[in-house]
Amino acid sequence: MSVLLADKGYDGDKLRGAIIRRGAKPVIPNKSNRVVIHRFNKRAYKGRNVIERCFCRLKDFRRIAMRYDKLARNFLAAVHLAALVAYWLN
């Protein structure tokens, strides 16, 4: 089963329902003012940090952040190169 990781800003009943209808499990922490408390997998939620850091590193590359490429295949190739360089420099 696939999961969707999101922060508290996306904690809404409509969004949770849409995620479930698409066959994924929402891993979203509850807002502090939420009446109905939903359980979420805290261990899986910690993986969200890794994804956010990856996007942050990719946005350090100007070509990715500004999307200079018009074609999707060229943009995807640039993302692959940027990810490779970011991984290599780490």
N, C-alpha and C. Protein backbone atom coordinates (compact mmCIF):
# COMPACT_ATOMS: atom_id res chain seq x y z
N MET A 1 0.85 -1.18 0.00
CA MET A 1 0.00 0.00 0.00
C MET A 1 0.89 1.24 0.00
N SER A 2 0.53 2.21 -0.78
CA SER A 2 1.31 3.45 -0.82
C SER A 2 0.80 4.41 0.25
N VAL A 3 1.68 5.30 0.67
CA VAL A 3 1.34 6.29 1.69
C VAL A 3 1.61 7.68 1.15
N LEU A 4 0.93 8.66 1.70
CA LEU A 4 1.17 10.05 1.37
C LEU A 4 1.58 10.75 2.66
N LEU A 5 2.80 11.28 2.68
CA LEU A 5 3.32 12.00 3.84
C LEU A 5 3.04 13.48 3.66
N ALA A 6 2.48 14.11 4.68
CA ALA A 6 2.19 15.54 4.62
C ALA A 6 2.27 16.13 6.02
N ASP A 7 2.38 17.45 6.09
CA ASP A 7 2.45 18.09 7.40
C ASP A 7 1.05 18.48 7.88
N LYS A 8 1.00 19.13 9.02
CA LYS A 8 -0.28 19.46 9.66
C LYS A 8 -1.16 20.37 8.81
N GLY A 9 -0.57 21.13 7.93
CA GLY A 9 -1.34 22.04 7.09
C GLY A 9 -2.31 21.33 6.17
N TYR A 10 -2.07 20.06 5.90
CA TYR A 10 -2.92 19.28 5.01
C TYR A 10 -3.89 18.38 5.77
N ASP A 11 -4.07 18.64 7.05
CA ASP A 11 -4.95 17.82 7.87
C ASP A 11 -6.39 18.29 7.71
N GLY A 12 -7.09 17.71 6.76
CA GLY A 12 -8.49 18.03 6.53
C GLY A 12 -9.24 16.77 6.13
N ASP A 13 -10.51 16.71 6.48
CA ASP A 13 -11.29 15.50 6.20
C ASP A 13 -11.47 15.26 4.71
N LYS A 14 -11.67 16.33 3.93
CA LYS A 14 -11.85 16.18 2.48
C LYS A 14 -10.59 15.62 1.84
N LEU A 15 -9.44 16.16 2.23
CA LEU A 15 -8.18 15.70 1.66
C LEU A 15 -7.88 14.26 2.08
N ARG A 16 -8.13 13.96 3.34
CA ARG A 16 -7.91 12.59 3.81
C ARG A 16 -8.80 11.61 3.02
N GLY A 17 -10.04 11.99 2.79
CA GLY A 17 -10.95 11.13 2.03
C GLY A 17 -10.48 10.93 0.60
N ALA A 18 -9.99 12.00 -0.03
CA ALA A 18 -9.50 11.90 -1.41
C ALA A 18 -8.27 10.99 -1.49
N ILE A 19 -7.41 11.07 -0.50
CA ILE A 19 -6.21 10.22 -0.48
C ILE A 19 -6.61 8.75 -0.34
N ILE A 20 -7.55 8.48 0.54
CA ILE A 20 -8.00 7.10 0.76
C ILE A 20 -8.69 6.56 -0.49
N ARG A 21 -9.51 7.39 -1.16
CA ARG A 21 -10.20 6.95 -2.38
C ARG A 21 -9.22 6.59 -3.48
N ARG A 22 -8.07 7.22 -3.49
CA ARG A 22 -7.06 6.91 -4.51
C ARG A 22 -6.20 5.71 -4.13
N GLY A 23 -6.48 5.11 -3.00
CA GLY A 23 -5.79 3.88 -2.63
C GLY A 23 -4.52 4.08 -1.82
N ALA A 24 -4.32 5.25 -1.27
CA ALA A 24 -3.14 5.52 -0.45
C ALA A 24 -3.56 5.73 1.00
N LYS A 25 -2.60 5.63 1.87
CA LYS A 25 -2.87 5.84 3.30
C LYS A 25 -2.28 7.19 3.70
N PRO A 26 -3.08 8.10 4.25
CA PRO A 26 -2.54 9.40 4.66
C PRO A 26 -1.74 9.28 5.96
N VAL A 27 -0.53 9.81 5.94
CA VAL A 27 0.30 9.88 7.14
C VAL A 27 0.45 11.37 7.44
N ILE A 28 -0.53 11.90 8.14
CA ILE A 28 -0.61 13.33 8.42
C ILE A 28 -0.87 13.51 9.91
N PRO A 29 -0.01 14.25 10.62
CA PRO A 29 -0.28 14.49 12.04
C PRO A 29 -1.50 15.39 12.20
N ASN A 30 -2.13 15.31 13.34
CA ASN A 30 -3.35 16.09 13.61
C ASN A 30 -3.00 17.52 14.00
N LYS A 31 -3.87 18.44 13.57
CA LYS A 31 -3.75 19.82 14.04
C LYS A 31 -4.10 19.86 15.52
N SER A 32 -3.63 20.89 16.20
CA SER A 32 -3.87 20.97 17.64
C SER A 32 -5.35 21.21 17.97
N ASN A 33 -6.10 21.82 17.04
CA ASN A 33 -7.51 22.11 17.32
C ASN A 33 -8.46 21.07 16.72
N ARG A 34 -7.95 19.93 16.31
CA ARG A 34 -8.77 18.89 15.69
C ARG A 34 -9.64 18.21 16.74
N VAL A 35 -10.93 18.04 16.41
CA VAL A 35 -11.87 17.40 17.33
C VAL A 35 -11.73 15.87 17.23
N VAL A 36 -11.80 15.35 16.00
CA VAL A 36 -11.67 13.91 15.78
C VAL A 36 -10.20 13.60 15.54
N ILE A 37 -9.60 12.84 16.43
CA ILE A 37 -8.18 12.53 16.34
C ILE A 37 -7.98 11.29 15.47
N HIS A 38 -7.13 11.43 14.44
CA HIS A 38 -6.77 10.30 13.57
C HIS A 38 -5.39 9.81 13.97
N ARG A 39 -5.22 8.51 13.99
CA ARG A 39 -3.91 7.95 14.28
C ARG A 39 -3.05 8.01 13.03
N PHE A 40 -1.74 8.18 13.21
CA PHE A 40 -0.83 8.16 12.09
C PHE A 40 0.46 7.48 12.51
N ASN A 41 1.17 6.96 11.54
CA ASN A 41 2.40 6.22 11.78
C ASN A 41 3.56 7.20 11.97
N LYS A 42 3.99 7.39 13.21
CA LYS A 42 5.05 8.35 13.50
C LYS A 42 6.38 7.92 12.88
N ARG A 43 6.59 6.63 12.79
CA ARG A 43 7.84 6.14 12.20
C ARG A 43 7.91 6.47 10.71
N ALA A 44 6.81 6.28 10.01
CA ALA A 44 6.77 6.61 8.58
C ALA A 44 6.85 8.11 8.37
N TYR A 45 6.28 8.89 9.29
CA TYR A 45 6.29 10.35 9.16
C TYR A 45 7.71 10.91 9.24
N LYS A 46 8.59 10.24 9.96
CA LYS A 46 9.97 10.70 10.06
C LYS A 46 10.68 10.66 8.71
N GLY A 47 10.20 9.83 7.79
CA GLY A 47 10.78 9.77 6.45
C GLY A 47 10.50 11.02 5.63
N ARG A 48 9.53 11.82 6.04
CA ARG A 48 9.20 13.05 5.34
C ARG A 48 10.38 14.02 5.35
N ASN A 49 11.15 14.01 6.41
CA ASN A 49 12.31 14.88 6.52
C ASN A 49 13.33 14.60 5.41
N VAL A 50 13.54 13.34 5.10
CA VAL A 50 14.49 12.96 4.05
C VAL A 50 14.03 13.50 2.70
N ILE A 51 12.74 13.39 2.43
CA ILE A 51 12.20 13.87 1.17
C ILE A 51 12.33 15.39 1.07
N GLU A 52 12.02 16.10 2.14
CA GLU A 52 12.13 17.56 2.11
C GLU A 52 13.56 18.02 1.92
N ARG A 53 14.52 17.34 2.55
CA ARG A 53 15.92 17.71 2.37
C ARG A 53 16.37 17.47 0.94
N CYS A 54 15.86 16.40 0.32
CA CYS A 54 16.19 16.11 -1.08
C CYS A 54 15.69 17.23 -2.00
N PHE A 55 14.46 17.67 -1.81
CA PHE A 55 13.93 18.76 -2.62
C PHE A 55 14.68 20.06 -2.36
N CYS A 56 15.07 20.28 -1.13
CA CYS A 56 15.84 21.49 -0.80
C CYS A 56 17.17 21.48 -1.54
N ARG A 57 17.83 20.34 -1.56
CA ARG A 57 19.10 20.24 -2.28
C ARG A 57 18.92 20.44 -3.77
N LEU A 58 17.85 19.88 -4.32
CA LEU A 58 17.60 20.04 -5.75
C LEU A 58 17.33 21.49 -6.11
N LYS A 59 16.66 22.22 -5.22
CA LYS A 59 16.35 23.62 -5.50
C LYS A 59 17.57 24.52 -5.38
N ASP A 60 18.68 24.00 -4.85
CA ASP A 60 19.93 24.76 -4.84
C ASP A 60 20.47 24.94 -6.26
N PHE A 61 20.07 24.07 -7.15
CA PHE A 61 20.50 24.16 -8.54
C PHE A 61 19.55 25.11 -9.27
N ARG A 62 20.11 26.17 -9.78
CA ARG A 62 19.30 27.22 -10.40
C ARG A 62 18.45 26.70 -11.55
N ARG A 63 19.03 25.82 -12.33
CA ARG A 63 18.31 25.28 -13.48
C ARG A 63 17.04 24.54 -13.06
N ILE A 64 17.09 23.90 -11.91
CA ILE A 64 15.92 23.16 -11.41
C ILE A 64 14.92 24.13 -10.78
N ALA A 65 15.43 25.05 -9.97
CA ALA A 65 14.54 25.98 -9.26
C ALA A 65 13.77 26.88 -10.22
N MET A 66 14.41 27.32 -11.29
CA MET A 66 13.78 28.24 -12.23
C MET A 66 13.11 27.53 -13.41
N ARG A 67 13.35 26.24 -13.53
CA ARG A 67 12.85 25.42 -14.64
C ARG A 67 13.10 26.09 -15.99
N TYR A 68 14.38 26.13 -16.34
CA TYR A 68 14.78 26.70 -17.63
C TYR A 68 14.35 25.83 -18.80
N ASP A 69 14.26 24.54 -18.60
CA ASP A 69 13.94 23.62 -19.69
C ASP A 69 12.45 23.65 -20.01
N LYS A 70 12.15 23.70 -21.29
CA LYS A 70 10.75 23.73 -21.70
C LYS A 70 10.16 22.33 -21.81
N LEU A 71 10.97 21.39 -22.25
CA LEU A 71 10.48 20.02 -22.41
C LEU A 71 10.61 19.24 -21.10
N ALA A 72 9.62 18.43 -20.83
CA ALA A 72 9.62 17.66 -19.58
C ALA A 72 10.79 16.68 -19.53
N ARG A 73 11.14 16.08 -20.67
CA ARG A 73 12.25 15.12 -20.66
C ARG A 73 13.58 15.79 -20.35
N ASN A 74 13.77 17.03 -20.83
CA ASN A 74 15.00 17.76 -20.53
C ASN A 74 15.05 18.17 -19.06
N PHE A 75 13.91 18.56 -18.53
CA PHE A 75 13.84 18.93 -17.11
C PHE A 75 14.12 17.71 -16.23
N LEU A 76 13.55 16.57 -16.60
CA LEU A 76 13.78 15.35 -15.83
C LEU A 76 15.26 14.94 -15.88
N ALA A 77 15.89 15.11 -17.04
CA ALA A 77 17.32 14.80 -17.16
C ALA A 77 18.13 15.74 -16.26
N ALA A 78 17.75 17.01 -16.21
CA ALA A 78 18.45 17.96 -15.34
C ALA A 78 18.26 17.60 -13.87
N VAL A 79 17.06 17.15 -13.50
CA VAL A 79 16.81 16.72 -12.12
C VAL A 79 17.67 15.51 -11.79
N HIS A 80 17.78 14.57 -12.72
CA HIS A 80 18.62 13.40 -12.49
C HIS A 80 20.08 13.80 -12.30
N LEU A 81 20.57 14.69 -13.14
CA LEU A 81 21.96 15.15 -13.01
C LEU A 81 22.18 15.89 -11.70
N ALA A 82 21.25 16.74 -11.33
CA ALA A 82 21.38 17.48 -10.08
C ALA A 82 21.35 16.54 -8.88
N ALA A 83 20.49 15.53 -8.92
CA ALA A 83 20.44 14.55 -7.83
C ALA A 83 21.74 13.77 -7.75
N LEU A 84 22.30 13.43 -8.89
CA LEU A 84 23.57 12.71 -8.92
C LEU A 84 24.69 13.56 -8.35
N VAL A 85 24.75 14.82 -8.74
CA VAL A 85 25.79 15.72 -8.23
C VAL A 85 25.60 15.96 -6.74
N ALA A 86 24.37 16.16 -6.30
CA ALA A 86 24.11 16.38 -4.87
C ALA A 86 24.50 15.16 -4.06
N TYR A 87 24.21 13.97 -4.59
CA TYR A 87 24.59 12.74 -3.89
C TYR A 87 26.11 12.58 -3.87
N TRP A 88 26.74 12.92 -4.98
CA TRP A 88 28.19 12.77 -5.11
C TRP A 88 28.92 13.74 -4.19
N LEU A 89 28.41 14.95 -4.05
CA LEU A 89 29.05 15.95 -3.19
C LEU A 89 28.84 15.66 -1.71
N ASN A 90 27.84 14.88 -1.40
CA ASN A 90 27.56 14.58 0.00
C ASN A 90 28.50 13.56 0.46
